[in-house]
Amino acid sequence: MPNLYIHTNLKNDDIPLDFEEKLIKKVASVMGVPTEVVYIKLTCGDRMYHNGSRGPMMFLDMNTVGKFNETNNPEYTKQFMEFLTENTNIPKNRIVIHYHDASAHEYGFWRRAPDYKYSQYYSP
């Protein structure tokens, strides 16, 4: 269940209204999970500084179980960077993604039908 915590110094009005919906679909497609198990928290207007500039930038913390490793991450980065640049106009050199591989026991949630279709993602 991918969780994305996104921080940007862009103003809320500078982010497309459907950004989260599009990003959830992208994450689900790239990582091979249903959209219903992807969570996104977007924080706009953060005070951020990188490489001598307060120019537009974005920092993503991504957590999930069993997907992140040195083989998968470069391809994930390529696809996510392209999406983020196209949808926010932030240059790739101003976007950082931090991948966190988590264990299932680190999450607490309740998932059951009918809200969730895929039983392999039900809570224990």
PDB file of N, CA and C in Angstrom:
ATOM      1  N   MET A   1       0.839  -1.172   0.000  1.00  0.00           N
ATOM      2  CA  MET A   1       0.000   0.000   0.000  1.00  0.00           C
ATOM      3  C   MET A   1       0.880   1.230   0.000  1.00  0.00           C
ATOM      4  N   PRO A   2       1.134   1.773  -1.157  1.00  0.00           N
ATOM      5  CA  PRO A   2       1.989   2.950  -1.257  1.00  0.00           C
ATOM      6  C   PRO A   2       1.375   4.173  -0.578  1.00  0.00           C
ATOM      7  N   ASN A   3       2.206   4.844   0.216  1.00  0.00           N
ATOM      8  CA  ASN A   3       1.842   6.104   0.860  1.00  0.00           C
ATOM      9  C   ASN A   3       2.810   7.158   0.366  1.00  0.00           C
ATOM     10  N   LEU A   4       2.298   8.265  -0.104  1.00  0.00           N
ATOM     11  CA  LEU A   4       3.143   9.356  -0.574  1.00  0.00           C
ATOM     12  C   LEU A   4       2.883  10.584   0.265  1.00  0.00           C
ATOM     13  N   TYR A   5       3.947  11.143   0.794  1.00  0.00           N
ATOM     14  CA  TYR A   5       3.894  12.402   1.521  1.00  0.00           C
ATOM     15  C   TYR A   5       4.687  13.386   0.682  1.00  0.00           C
ATOM     16  N   ILE A   6       3.984  14.352   0.121  1.00  0.00           N
ATOM     17  CA  ILE A   6       4.583  15.257  -0.858  1.00  0.00           C
ATOM     18  C   ILE A   6       4.646  16.656  -0.273  1.00  0.00           C
ATOM     19  N   HIS A   7       5.825  17.244  -0.354  1.00  0.00           N
ATOM     20  CA  HIS A   7       6.029  18.618   0.093  1.00  0.00           C
ATOM     21  C   HIS A   7       6.511  19.434  -1.094  1.00  0.00           C
ATOM     22  N   THR A   8       5.919  20.599  -1.283  1.00  0.00           N
ATOM     23  CA  THR A   8       6.352  21.494  -2.348  1.00  0.00           C
ATOM     24  C   THR A   8       6.203  22.934  -1.894  1.00  0.00           C
ATOM     25  N   ASN A   9       6.997  23.784  -2.496  1.00  0.00           N
ATOM     26  CA  ASN A   9       6.853  25.202  -2.217  1.00  0.00           C
ATOM     27  C   ASN A   9       5.910  25.873  -3.212  1.00  0.00           C
ATOM     28  N   LEU A  10       5.366  25.104  -4.154  1.00  0.00           N
ATOM     29  CA  LEU A  10       4.346  25.656  -5.039  1.00  0.00           C
ATOM     30  C   LEU A  10       3.108  25.996  -4.217  1.00  0.00           C
ATOM     31  N   LYS A  11       2.405  27.008  -4.648  1.00  0.00           N
ATOM     32  CA  LYS A  11       1.144  27.355  -4.005  1.00  0.00           C
ATOM     33  C   LYS A  11       0.073  26.366  -4.445  1.00  0.00           C
ATOM     34  N   ASN A  12      -0.941  26.199  -3.623  1.00  0.00           N
ATOM     35  CA  ASN A  12      -2.038  25.287  -3.934  1.00  0.00           C
ATOM     36  C   ASN A  12      -2.627  25.576  -5.311  1.00  0.00           C
ATOM     37  N   ASP A  13      -2.771  26.851  -5.653  1.00  0.00           N
ATOM     38  CA  ASP A  13      -3.354  27.230  -6.948  1.00  0.00           C
ATOM     39  C   ASP A  13      -2.473  26.854  -8.135  1.00  0.00           C
ATOM     40  N   ASP A  14      -1.187  26.565  -7.887  1.00  0.00           N
ATOM     41  CA  ASP A  14      -0.264  26.196  -8.962  1.00  0.00           C
ATOM     42  C   ASP A  14      -0.252  24.696  -9.251  1.00  0.00           C
ATOM     43  N   ILE A  15      -0.975  23.930  -8.451  1.00  0.00           N
ATOM     44  CA  ILE A  15      -1.073  22.475  -8.634  1.00  0.00           C
ATOM     45  C   ILE A  15      -2.411  22.183  -9.308  1.00  0.00           C
ATOM     46  N   PRO A  16      -2.424  21.388 -10.384  1.00  0.00           N
ATOM     47  CA  PRO A  16      -3.696  21.064 -11.035  1.00  0.00           C
ATOM     48  C   PRO A  16      -4.690  20.443 -10.047  1.00  0.00           C
ATOM     49  N   LEU A  17      -5.959  20.781 -10.187  1.00  0.00           N
ATOM     50  CA  LEU A  17      -6.993  20.284  -9.272  1.00  0.00           C
ATOM     51  C   LEU A  17      -7.075  18.763  -9.239  1.00  0.00           C
ATOM     52  N   ASP A  18      -6.753  18.117 -10.341  1.00  0.00           N
ATOM     53  CA  ASP A  18      -6.842  16.654 -10.406  1.00  0.00           C
ATOM     54  C   ASP A  18      -5.479  15.973 -10.199  1.00  0.00           C
ATOM     55  N   PHE A  19      -4.510  16.689  -9.657  1.00  0.00           N
ATOM     56  CA  PHE A  19      -3.159  16.164  -9.486  1.00  0.00           C
ATOM     57  C   PHE A  19      -3.143  14.870  -8.680  1.00  0.00           C
ATOM     58  N   GLU A  20      -3.813  14.864  -7.527  1.00  0.00           N
ATOM     59  CA  GLU A  20      -3.788  13.681  -6.675  1.00  0.00           C
ATOM     60  C   GLU A  20      -4.408  12.471  -7.368  1.00  0.00           C
ATOM     61  N   GLU A  21      -5.531  12.679  -8.050  1.00  0.00           N
ATOM     62  CA  GLU A  21      -6.187  11.572  -8.748  1.00  0.00           C
ATOM     63  C   GLU A  21      -5.281  11.005  -9.839  1.00  0.00           C
ATOM     64  N   LYS A  22      -4.646  11.888 -10.603  1.00  0.00           N
ATOM     65  CA  LYS A  22      -3.739  11.426 -11.659  1.00  0.00           C
ATOM     66  C   LYS A  22      -2.525  10.707 -11.067  1.00  0.00           C
ATOM     67  N   LEU A  23      -1.989  11.241  -9.983  1.00  0.00           N
ATOM     68  CA  LEU A  23      -0.816  10.628  -9.367  1.00  0.00           C
ATOM     69  C   LEU A  23      -1.146   9.257  -8.783  1.00  0.00           C
ATOM     70  N   ILE A  24      -2.301   9.117  -8.180  1.00  0.00           N
ATOM     71  CA  ILE A  24      -2.709   7.803  -7.663  1.00  0.00           C
ATOM     72  C   ILE A  24      -2.761   6.787  -8.796  1.00  0.00           C
ATOM     73  N   LYS A  25      -3.314   7.169  -9.928  1.00  0.00           N
ATOM     74  CA  LYS A  25      -3.369   6.254 -11.081  1.00  0.00           C
ATOM     75  C   LYS A  25      -1.973   5.910 -11.583  1.00  0.00           C
ATOM     76  N   LYS A  26      -1.089   6.898 -11.602  1.00  0.00           N
ATOM     77  CA  LYS A  26       0.286   6.659 -12.051  1.00  0.00           C
ATOM     78  C   LYS A  26       1.008   5.711 -11.103  1.00  0.00           C
ATOM     79  N   VAL A  27       0.912   5.973  -9.809  1.00  0.00           N
ATOM     80  CA  VAL A  27       1.569   5.115  -8.813  1.00  0.00           C
ATOM     81  C   VAL A  27       1.041   3.688  -8.914  1.00  0.00           C
ATOM     82  N   ALA A  28      -0.270   3.540  -9.010  1.00  0.00           N
ATOM     83  CA  ALA A  28      -0.864   2.203  -9.114  1.00  0.00           C
ATOM     84  C   ALA A  28      -0.357   1.472 -10.351  1.00  0.00           C
ATOM     85  N   SER A  29      -0.291   2.180 -11.459  1.00  0.00           N
ATOM     86  CA  SER A  29       0.171   1.575 -12.701  1.00  0.00           C
ATOM     87  C   SER A  29       1.645   1.174 -12.621  1.00  0.00           C
ATOM     88  N   VAL A  30       2.477   2.060 -12.151  1.00  0.00           N
ATOM     89  CA  VAL A  30       3.920   1.799 -12.084  1.00  0.00           C
ATOM     90  C   VAL A  30       4.242   0.684 -11.092  1.00  0.00           C
ATOM     91  N   MET A  31       3.545   0.674  -9.960  1.00  0.00           N
ATOM     92  CA  MET A  31       3.882  -0.268  -8.897  1.00  0.00           C
ATOM     93  C   MET A  31       3.040  -1.540  -8.907  1.00  0.00           C
ATOM     94  N   GLY A  32       2.067  -1.620  -9.808  1.00  0.00           N
ATOM     95  CA  GLY A  32       1.273  -2.840  -9.931  1.00  0.00           C
ATOM     96  C   GLY A  32       0.343  -3.098  -8.776  1.00  0.00           C
ATOM     97  N   VAL A  33      -0.301  -2.036  -8.263  1.00  0.00           N
ATOM     98  CA  VAL A  33      -1.268  -2.170  -7.172  1.00  0.00           C
ATOM     99  C   VAL A  33      -2.566  -1.478  -7.584  1.00  0.00           C
ATOM    100  N   PRO A  34      -3.693  -1.818  -6.954  1.00  0.00           N
ATOM    101  CA  PRO A  34      -4.932  -1.115  -7.266  1.00  0.00           C
ATOM    102  C   PRO A  34      -4.920   0.304  -6.693  1.00  0.00           C
ATOM    103  N   THR A  35      -5.632   1.201  -7.352  1.00  0.00           N
ATOM    104  CA  THR A  35      -5.677   2.599  -6.899  1.00  0.00           C
ATOM    105  C   THR A  35      -6.233   2.720  -5.488  1.00  0.00           C
ATOM    106  N   GLU A  36      -7.095   1.808  -5.092  1.00  0.00           N
ATOM    107  CA  GLU A  36      -7.748   1.917  -3.788  1.00  0.00           C
ATOM    108  C   GLU A  36      -6.790   1.751  -2.608  1.00  0.00           C
ATOM    109  N   VAL A  37      -5.578   1.288  -2.832  1.00  0.00           N
ATOM    110  CA  VAL A  37      -4.634   1.125  -1.724  1.00  0.00           C
ATOM    111  C   VAL A  37      -3.502   2.151  -1.751  1.00  0.00           C
ATOM    112  N   VAL A  38      -3.622   3.173  -2.601  1.00  0.00           N
ATOM    113  CA  VAL A  38      -2.612   4.232  -2.673  1.00  0.00           C
ATOM    114  C   VAL A  38      -3.120   5.437  -1.890  1.00  0.00           C
ATOM    115  N   TYR A  39      -2.268   5.984  -1.049  1.00  0.00           N
ATOM    116  CA  TYR A  39      -2.613   7.145  -0.218  1.00  0.00           C
ATOM    117  C   TYR A  39      -1.673   8.295  -0.563  1.00  0.00           C
ATOM    118  N   ILE A  40      -2.221   9.492  -0.658  1.00  0.00           N
ATOM    119  CA  ILE A  40      -1.410  10.677  -0.955  1.00  0.00           C
ATOM    120  C   ILE A  40      -1.758  11.800   0.000  1.00  0.00           C
ATOM    121  N   LYS A  41      -0.726  12.427   0.529  1.00  0.00           N
ATOM    122  CA  LYS A  41      -0.876  13.652   1.313  1.00  0.00           C
ATOM    123  C   LYS A  41      -0.005  14.696   0.637  1.00  0.00           C
ATOM    124  N   LEU A  42      -0.618  15.777   0.193  1.00  0.00           N
ATOM    125  CA  LEU A  42       0.089  16.847  -0.508  1.00  0.00           C
ATOM    126  C   LEU A  42       0.074  18.104   0.345  1.00  0.00           C
ATOM    127  N   THR A  43       1.260  18.626   0.615  1.00  0.00           N
ATOM    128  CA  THR A  43       1.388  19.874   1.365  1.00  0.00           C
ATOM    129  C   THR A  43       2.003  20.909   0.435  1.00  0.00           C
ATOM    130  N   CYS A  44       1.274  21.979   0.185  1.00  0.00           N
ATOM    131  CA  CYS A  44       1.738  23.065  -0.678  1.00  0.00           C
ATOM    132  C   CYS A  44       2.193  24.252   0.171  1.00  0.00           C
ATOM    133  N   GLY A  45       2.995  25.098  -0.439  1.00  0.00           N
ATOM    134  CA  GLY A  45       3.403  26.335   0.215  1.00  0.00           C
ATOM    135  C   GLY A  45       4.474  26.193   1.275  1.00  0.00           C
ATOM    136  N   ASP A  46       5.183  25.064   1.296  1.00  0.00           N
ATOM    137  CA  ASP A  46       6.266  24.892   2.260  1.00  0.00           C
ATOM    138  C   ASP A  46       7.417  25.846   1.936  1.00  0.00           C
ATOM    139  N   ARG A  47       8.085  26.279   2.960  1.00  0.00           N
ATOM    140  CA  ARG A  47       9.312  27.043   2.758  1.00  0.00           C
ATOM    141  C   ARG A  47      10.424  26.037   2.514  1.00  0.00           C
ATOM    142  N   MET A  48      11.013  26.085   1.308  1.00  0.00           N
ATOM    143  CA  MET A  48      12.007  25.092   0.921  1.00  0.00           C
ATOM    144  C   MET A  48      13.192  25.785   0.255  1.00  0.00           C
ATOM    145  N   TYR A  49      14.341  25.175   0.403  1.00  0.00           N
ATOM    146  CA  TYR A  49      15.569  25.742  -0.139  1.00  0.00           C
ATOM    147  C   TYR A  49      16.469  24.602  -0.575  1.00  0.00           C
ATOM    148  N   HIS A  50      17.011  24.705  -1.786  1.00  0.00           N
ATOM    149  CA  HIS A  50      17.907  23.665  -2.291  1.00  0.00           C
ATOM    150  C   HIS A  50      18.852  24.270  -3.319  1.00  0.00           C
ATOM    151  N   ASN A  51      20.110  23.925  -3.223  1.00  0.00           N
ATOM    152  CA  ASN A  51      21.123  24.316  -4.204  1.00  0.00           C
ATOM    153  C   ASN A  51      21.142  25.826  -4.458  1.00  0.00           C
ATOM    154  N   GLY A  52      21.053  26.597  -3.377  1.00  0.00           N
ATOM    155  CA  GLY A  52      21.144  28.045  -3.478  1.00  0.00           C
ATOM    156  C   GLY A  52      19.907  28.744  -3.998  1.00  0.00           C
ATOM    157  N   SER A  53      18.765  28.036  -3.993  1.00  0.00           N
ATOM    158  CA  SER A  53      17.564  28.617  -4.582  1.00  0.00           C
ATOM    159  C   SER A  53      16.305  28.231  -3.811  1.00  0.00           C
ATOM    160  N   ARG A  54      15.368  29.157  -3.808  1.00  0.00           N
ATOM    161  CA  ARG A  54      14.030  28.883  -3.293  1.00  0.00           C
ATOM    162  C   ARG A  54      13.054  28.625  -4.452  1.00  0.00           C
ATOM    163  N   GLY A  55      13.589  28.368  -5.618  1.00  0.00           N
ATOM    164  CA  GLY A  55      12.769  28.101  -6.802  1.00  0.00           C
ATOM    165  C   GLY A  55      11.874  26.899  -6.593  1.00  0.00           C
ATOM    166  N   PRO A  56      10.919  26.686  -7.498  1.00  0.00           N
ATOM    167  CA  PRO A  56       9.980  25.566  -7.364  1.00  0.00           C
ATOM    168  C   PRO A  56      10.708  24.244  -7.162  1.00  0.00           C
ATOM    169  N   MET A  57      10.231  23.492  -6.169  1.00  0.00           N
ATOM    170  CA  MET A  57      10.811  22.181  -5.903  1.00  0.00           C
ATOM    171  C   MET A  57       9.785  21.289  -5.222  1.00  0.00           C
ATOM    172  N   MET A  58      10.123  20.009  -5.140  1.00  0.00           N
ATOM    173  CA  MET A  58       9.227  19.029  -4.534  1.00  0.00           C
ATOM    174  C   MET A  58      10.061  17.944  -3.879  1.00  0.00           C
ATOM    175  N   PHE A  59       9.589  17.495  -2.711  1.00  0.00           N
ATOM    176  CA  PHE A  59      10.214  16.386  -2.000  1.00  0.00           C
ATOM    177  C   PHE A  59       9.133  15.360  -1.701  1.00  0.00           C
ATOM    178  N   LEU A  60       9.358  14.112  -2.111  1.00  0.00           N
ATOM    179  CA  LEU A  60       8.396  13.033  -1.877  1.00  0.00           C
ATOM    180  C   LEU A  60       9.008  11.984  -0.967  1.00  0.00           C
ATOM    181  N   ASP A  61       8.277  11.622   0.068  1.00  0.00           N
ATOM    182  CA  ASP A  61       8.587  10.453   0.869  1.00  0.00           C
ATOM    183  C   ASP A  61       7.594   9.388   0.445  1.00  0.00           C
ATOM    184  N   MET A  62       8.087   8.257  -0.055  1.00  0.00           N
ATOM    185  CA  MET A  62       7.217   7.166  -0.490  1.00  0.00           C
ATOM    186  C   MET A  62       7.491   5.942   0.369  1.00  0.00           C
ATOM    187  N   ASN A  63       6.423   5.398   0.954  1.00  0.00           N
ATOM    188  CA  ASN A  63       6.505   4.190   1.777  1.00  0.00           C
ATOM    189  C   ASN A  63       5.648   3.104   1.151  1.00  0.00           C
ATOM    190  N   THR A  64       6.128   1.896   1.165  1.00  0.00           N
ATOM    191  CA  THR A  64       5.314   0.748   0.789  1.00  0.00           C
ATOM    192  C   THR A  64       6.010  -0.532   1.239  1.00  0.00           C
ATOM    193  N   VAL A  65       5.321  -1.635   1.095  1.00  0.00           N
ATOM    194  CA  VAL A  65       5.837  -2.932   1.535  1.00  0.00           C
ATOM    195  C   VAL A  65       6.358  -3.717   0.334  1.00  0.00           C
ATOM    196  N   GLY A  66       7.627  -4.076   0.378  1.00  0.00           N
ATOM    197  CA  GLY A  66       8.199  -5.028  -0.570  1.00  0.00           C
ATOM    198  C   GLY A  66       8.341  -4.601  -2.011  1.00  0.00           C
ATOM    199  N   LYS A  67       8.414  -3.321  -2.306  1.00  0.00           N
ATOM    200  CA  LYS A  67       8.530  -2.872  -3.696  1.00  0.00           C
ATOM    201  C   LYS A  67       9.836  -2.146  -3.988  1.00  0.00           C
ATOM    202  N   PHE A  68      10.395  -1.490  -2.983  1.00  0.00           N
ATOM    203  CA  PHE A  68      11.556  -0.639  -3.225  1.00  0.00           C
ATOM    204  C   PHE A  68      12.857  -1.414  -3.044  1.00  0.00           C
ATOM    205  N   ASN A  69      13.724  -1.297  -4.031  1.00  0.00           N
ATOM    206  CA  ASN A  69      15.046  -1.896  -3.968  1.00  0.00           C
ATOM    207  C   ASN A  69      15.913  -1.278  -5.060  1.00  0.00           C
ATOM    208  N   GLU A  70      17.178  -1.628  -5.080  1.00  0.00           N
ATOM    209  CA  GLU A  70      18.091  -0.988  -6.029  1.00  0.00           C
ATOM    210  C   GLU A  70      17.808  -1.376  -7.477  1.00  0.00           C
ATOM    211  N   THR A  71      17.065  -2.435  -7.706  1.00  0.00           N
ATOM    212  CA  THR A  71      16.692  -2.816  -9.069  1.00  0.00           C
ATOM    213  C   THR A  71      15.480  -2.023  -9.551  1.00  0.00           C
ATOM    214  N   ASN A  72      14.445  -1.918  -8.725  1.00  0.00           N
ATOM    215  CA  ASN A  72      13.197  -1.248  -9.119  1.00  0.00           C
ATOM    216  C   ASN A  72      13.272   0.271  -9.070  1.00  0.00           C
ATOM    217  N   ASN A  73      13.979   0.828  -8.099  1.00  0.00           N
ATOM    218  CA  ASN A  73      13.926   2.263  -7.854  1.00  0.00           C
ATOM    219  C   ASN A  73      14.327   3.131  -9.048  1.00  0.00           C
ATOM    220  N   PRO A  74      15.363   2.797  -9.819  1.00  0.00           N
ATOM    221  CA  PRO A  74      15.688   3.659 -10.961  1.00  0.00           C
ATOM    222  C   PRO A  74      14.542   3.775 -11.975  1.00  0.00           C
ATOM    223  N   GLU A  75      13.841   2.672 -12.235  1.00  0.00           N
ATOM    224  CA  GLU A  75      12.713   2.734 -13.176  1.00  0.00           C
ATOM    225  C   GLU A  75      11.551   3.507 -12.565  1.00  0.00           C
ATOM    226  N   TYR A  76      11.286   3.301 -11.278  1.00  0.00           N
ATOM    227  CA  TYR A  76      10.258   4.092 -10.606  1.00  0.00           C
ATOM    228  C   TYR A  76      10.590   5.576 -10.714  1.00  0.00           C
ATOM    229  N   THR A  77      11.845   5.917 -10.429  1.00  0.00           N
ATOM    230  CA  THR A  77      12.259   7.324 -10.463  1.00  0.00           C
ATOM    231  C   THR A  77      12.031   7.921 -11.838  1.00  0.00           C
ATOM    232  N   LYS A  78      12.427   7.218 -12.863  1.00  0.00           N
ATOM    233  CA  LYS A  78      12.251   7.717 -14.238  1.00  0.00           C
ATOM    234  C   LYS A  78      10.781   8.025 -14.513  1.00  0.00           C
ATOM    235  N   GLN A  79       9.910   7.083 -14.207  1.00  0.00           N
ATOM    236  CA  GLN A  79       8.494   7.272 -14.516  1.00  0.00           C
ATOM    237  C   GLN A  79       7.845   8.353 -13.650  1.00  0.00           C
ATOM    238  N   PHE A  80       8.191   8.390 -12.361  1.00  0.00           N
ATOM    239  CA  PHE A  80       7.606   9.399 -11.475  1.00  0.00           C
ATOM    240  C   PHE A  80       8.123  10.797 -11.812  1.00  0.00           C
ATOM    241  N   MET A  81       9.399  10.920 -12.120  1.00  0.00           N
ATOM    242  CA  MET A  81       9.963  12.230 -12.473  1.00  0.00           C
ATOM    243  C   MET A  81       9.282  12.796 -13.720  1.00  0.00           C
ATOM    244  N   GLU A  82       9.098  11.950 -14.732  1.00  0.00           N
ATOM    245  CA  GLU A  82       8.422  12.404 -15.948  1.00  0.00           C
ATOM    246  C   GLU A  82       7.019  12.896 -15.633  1.00  0.00           C
ATOM    247  N   PHE A  83       6.283  12.125 -14.859  1.00  0.00           N
ATOM    248  CA  PHE A  83       4.918  12.517 -14.489  1.00  0.00           C
ATOM    249  C   PHE A  83       4.920  13.832 -13.714  1.00  0.00           C
ATOM    250  N   LEU A  84       5.767  13.936 -12.709  1.00  0.00           N
ATOM    251  CA  LEU A  84       5.778  15.122 -11.846  1.00  0.00           C
ATOM    252  C   LEU A  84       6.179  16.370 -12.616  1.00  0.00           C
ATOM    253  N   THR A  85       7.170  16.259 -13.476  1.00  0.00           N
ATOM    254  CA  THR A  85       7.593  17.402 -14.279  1.00  0.00           C
ATOM    255  C   THR A  85       6.475  17.842 -15.221  1.00  0.00           C
ATOM    256  N   GLU A  86       5.826  16.887 -15.877  1.00  0.00           N
ATOM    257  CA  GLU A  86       4.737  17.211 -16.804  1.00  0.00           C
ATOM    258  C   GLU A  86       3.554  17.858 -16.104  1.00  0.00           C
ATOM    259  N   ASN A  87       3.284  17.470 -14.867  1.00  0.00           N
ATOM    260  CA  ASN A  87       2.076  17.939 -14.184  1.00  0.00           C
ATOM    261  C   ASN A  87       2.293  19.126 -13.248  1.00  0.00           C
ATOM    262  N   THR A  88       3.550  19.464 -12.963  1.00  0.00           N
ATOM    263  CA  THR A  88       3.809  20.597 -12.065  1.00  0.00           C
ATOM    264  C   THR A  88       4.746  21.639 -12.668  1.00  0.00           C
ATOM    265  N   ASN A  89       5.403  21.298 -13.760  1.00  0.00           N
ATOM    266  CA  ASN A  89       6.424  22.165 -14.384  1.00  0.00           C
ATOM    267  C   ASN A  89       7.644  22.372 -13.491  1.00  0.00           C
ATOM    268  N   ILE A  90       7.818  21.536 -12.484  1.00  0.00           N
ATOM    269  CA  ILE A  90       9.032  21.591 -11.677  1.00  0.00           C
ATOM    270  C   ILE A  90      10.109  20.801 -12.425  1.00  0.00           C
ATOM    271  N   PRO A  91      11.284  21.402 -12.623  1.00  0.00           N
ATOM    272  CA  PRO A  91      12.350  20.668 -13.315  1.00  0.00           C
ATOM    273  C   PRO A  91      12.774  19.419 -12.536  1.00  0.00           C
ATOM    274  N   LYS A  92      13.204  18.404 -13.256  1.00  0.00           N
ATOM    275  CA  LYS A  92      13.608  17.142 -12.618  1.00  0.00           C
ATOM    276  C   LYS A  92      14.715  17.336 -11.595  1.00  0.00           C
ATOM    277  N   ASN A  93      15.596  18.309 -11.815  1.00  0.00           N
ATOM    278  CA  ASN A  93      16.695  18.514 -10.875  1.00  0.00           C
ATOM    279  C   ASN A  93      16.246  19.229  -9.604  1.00  0.00           C
ATOM    280  N   ARG A  94      14.935  19.514  -9.494  1.00  0.00           N
ATOM    281  CA  ARG A  94      14.378  20.151  -8.301  1.00  0.00           C
ATOM    282  C   ARG A  94      13.358  19.233  -7.610  1.00  0.00           C
ATOM    283  N   ILE A  95      13.391  17.945  -7.968  1.00  0.00           N
ATOM    284  CA  ILE A  95      12.501  16.951  -7.376  1.00  0.00           C
ATOM    285  C   ILE A  95      13.363  15.862  -6.739  1.00  0.00           C
ATOM    286  N   VAL A  96      13.035  15.510  -5.498  1.00  0.00           N
ATOM    287  CA  VAL A  96      13.732  14.433  -4.799  1.00  0.00           C
ATOM    288  C   VAL A  96      12.691  13.432  -4.319  1.00  0.00           C
ATOM    289  N   ILE A  97      12.953  12.148  -4.549  1.00  0.00           N
ATOM    290  CA  ILE A  97      12.080  11.076  -4.073  1.00  0.00           C
ATOM    291  C   ILE A  97      12.875  10.222  -3.100  1.00  0.00           C
ATOM    292  N   HIS A  98      12.337  10.029  -1.913  1.00  0.00           N
ATOM    293  CA  HIS A  98      12.976   9.173  -0.912  1.00  0.00           C
ATOM    294  C   HIS A  98      12.102   7.934  -0.744  1.00  0.00           C
ATOM    295  N   TYR A  99      12.626   6.785  -1.126  1.00  0.00           N
ATOM    296  CA  TYR A  99      11.901   5.527  -1.043  1.00  0.00           C
ATOM    297  C   TYR A  99      12.152   4.871   0.316  1.00  0.00           C
ATOM    298  N   HIS A 100      11.076   4.442   0.954  1.00  0.00           N
ATOM    299  CA  HIS A 100      11.162   3.746   2.239  1.00  0.00           C
ATOM    300  C   HIS A 100      10.480   2.391   2.092  1.00  0.00           C
ATOM    301  N   ASP A 101      11.230   1.322   2.235  1.00  0.00           N
ATOM    302  CA  ASP A 101      10.628  -0.008   2.210  1.00  0.00           C
ATOM    303  C   ASP A 101      10.138  -0.314   3.624  1.00  0.00           C
ATOM    304  N   ALA A 102       8.869  -0.563   3.751  1.00  0.00           N
ATOM    305  CA  ALA A 102       8.256  -0.784   5.063  1.00  0.00           C
ATOM    306  C   ALA A 102       7.884  -2.254   5.240  1.00  0.00           C
ATOM    307  N   SER A 103       7.551  -2.607   6.459  1.00  0.00           N
ATOM    308  CA  SER A 103       7.032  -3.940   6.772  1.00  0.00           C
ATOM    309  C   SER A 103       5.534  -3.823   7.026  1.00  0.00           C
ATOM    310  N   ALA A 104       4.807  -4.843   6.682  1.00  0.00           N
ATOM    311  CA  ALA A 104       3.341  -4.804   6.823  1.00  0.00           C
ATOM    312  C   ALA A 104       2.908  -4.540   8.265  1.00  0.00           C
ATOM    313  N   HIS A 105       3.666  -5.037   9.233  1.00  0.00           N
ATOM    314  CA  HIS A 105       3.278  -4.853  10.637  1.00  0.00           C
ATOM    315  C   HIS A 105       3.391  -3.393  11.084  1.00  0.00           C
ATOM    316  N   GLU A 106       4.000  -2.544  10.272  1.00  0.00           N
ATOM    317  CA  GLU A 106       4.147  -1.127  10.624  1.00  0.00           C
ATOM    318  C   GLU A 106       2.907  -0.297  10.286  1.00  0.00           C
ATOM    319  N   TYR A 107       1.912  -0.906   9.691  1.00  0.00           N
ATOM    320  CA  TYR A 107       0.689  -0.209   9.305  1.00  0.00           C
ATOM    321  C   TYR A 107      -0.493  -0.709  10.123  1.00  0.00           C
ATOM    322  N   GLY A 108      -1.367   0.203  10.463  1.00  0.00           N
ATOM    323  CA  GLY A 108      -2.634  -0.155  11.085  1.00  0.00           C
ATOM    324  C   GLY A 108      -3.751   0.383  10.209  1.00  0.00           C
ATOM    325  N   PHE A 109      -4.670  -0.467   9.786  1.00  0.00           N
ATOM    326  CA  PHE A 109      -5.758  -0.042   8.900  1.00  0.00           C
ATOM    327  C   PHE A 109      -6.875  -1.070   8.954  1.00  0.00           C
ATOM    328  N   TRP A 110      -8.029  -0.694   8.432  1.00  0.00           N
ATOM    329  CA  TRP A 110      -9.165  -1.602   8.343  1.00  0.00           C
ATOM    330  C   TRP A 110      -9.674  -1.569   6.915  1.00  0.00           C
ATOM    331  N   ARG A 111      -9.543  -2.694   6.220  1.00  0.00           N
ATOM    332  CA  ARG A 111     -10.015  -2.801   4.837  1.00  0.00           C
ATOM    333  C   ARG A 111     -10.842  -4.064   4.692  1.00  0.00           C
ATOM    334  N   ARG A 112     -12.053  -3.886   4.178  1.00  0.00           N
ATOM    335  CA  ARG A 112     -12.955  -4.996   3.908  1.00  0.00           C
ATOM    336  C   ARG A 112     -13.883  -4.614   2.748  1.00  0.00           C
ATOM    337  N   ALA A 113     -14.529  -5.627   2.195  1.00  0.00           N
ATOM    338  CA  ALA A 113     -15.559  -5.388   1.187  1.00  0.00           C
ATOM    339  C   ALA A 113     -16.717  -4.663   1.871  1.00  0.00           C
ATOM    340  N   PRO A 114     -17.490  -3.895   1.206  1.00  0.00           N
ATOM    341  CA  PRO A 114     -17.493  -3.658  -0.233  1.00  0.00           C
ATOM    342  C   PRO A 114     -16.592  -2.516  -0.671  1.00  0.00           C
ATOM    343  N   ASP A 115     -15.994  -1.782   0.266  1.00  0.00           N
ATOM    344  CA  ASP A 115     -15.179  -0.626  -0.113  1.00  0.00           C
ATOM    345  C   ASP A 115     -13.897  -1.025  -0.833  1.00  0.00           C
ATOM    346  N   TYR A 116     -13.378  -2.197  -0.525  1.00  0.00           N
ATOM    347  CA  TYR A 116     -12.142  -2.673  -1.141  1.00  0.00           C
ATOM    348  C   TYR A 116     -12.429  -3.969  -1.885  1.00  0.00           C
ATOM    349  N   LYS A 117     -12.069  -3.995  -3.166  1.00  0.00           N
ATOM    350  CA  LYS A 117     -12.387  -5.131  -4.021  1.00  0.00           C
ATOM    351  C   LYS A 117     -11.386  -6.278  -3.919  1.00  0.00           C
ATOM    352  N   TYR A 118     -10.152  -5.977  -3.576  1.00  0.00           N
ATOM    353  CA  TYR A 118      -9.093  -6.968  -3.689  1.00  0.00           C
ATOM    354  C   TYR A 118      -8.765  -7.560  -2.314  1.00  0.00           C
ATOM    355  N   SER A 119      -9.156  -8.801  -2.109  1.00  0.00           N
ATOM    356  CA  SER A 119      -9.036  -9.415  -0.789  1.00  0.00           C
ATOM    357  C   SER A 119      -7.583  -9.539  -0.313  1.00  0.00           C
ATOM    358  N   GLN A 120      -6.636  -9.600  -1.225  1.00  0.00           N
ATOM    359  CA  GLN A 120      -5.232  -9.693  -0.788  1.00  0.00           C
ATOM    360  C   GLN A 120      -4.766  -8.425  -0.079  1.00  0.00           C
ATOM    361  N   TYR A 121      -5.548  -7.332  -0.187  1.00  0.00           N
ATOM    362  CA  TYR A 121      -5.201  -6.092   0.492  1.00  0.00           C
ATOM    363  C   TYR A 121      -6.088  -5.836   1.712  1.00  0.00           C
ATOM    364  N   TYR A 122      -6.913  -6.817   2.090  1.00  0.00           N
ATOM    365  CA  TYR A 122      -7.734  -6.669   3.293  1.00  0.00           C
ATOM    366  C   TYR A 122      -6.832  -6.637   4.512  1.00  0.00           C
ATOM    367  N   SER A 123      -7.327  -5.992   5.543  1.00  0.00           N
ATOM    368  CA  SER A 123      -6.573  -5.965   6.800  1.00  0.00           C
ATOM    369  C   SER A 123      -6.649  -7.337   7.456  1.00  0.00           C
ATOM    370  N   PRO A 124      -5.635  -7.646   8.263  1.00  0.00           N
ATOM    371  CA  PRO A 124      -5.611  -8.974   8.907  1.00  0.00           C
ATOM    372  C   PRO A 124      -6.734  -9.133   9.914  1.00  0.00           C
TER     373      PRO A 124
END
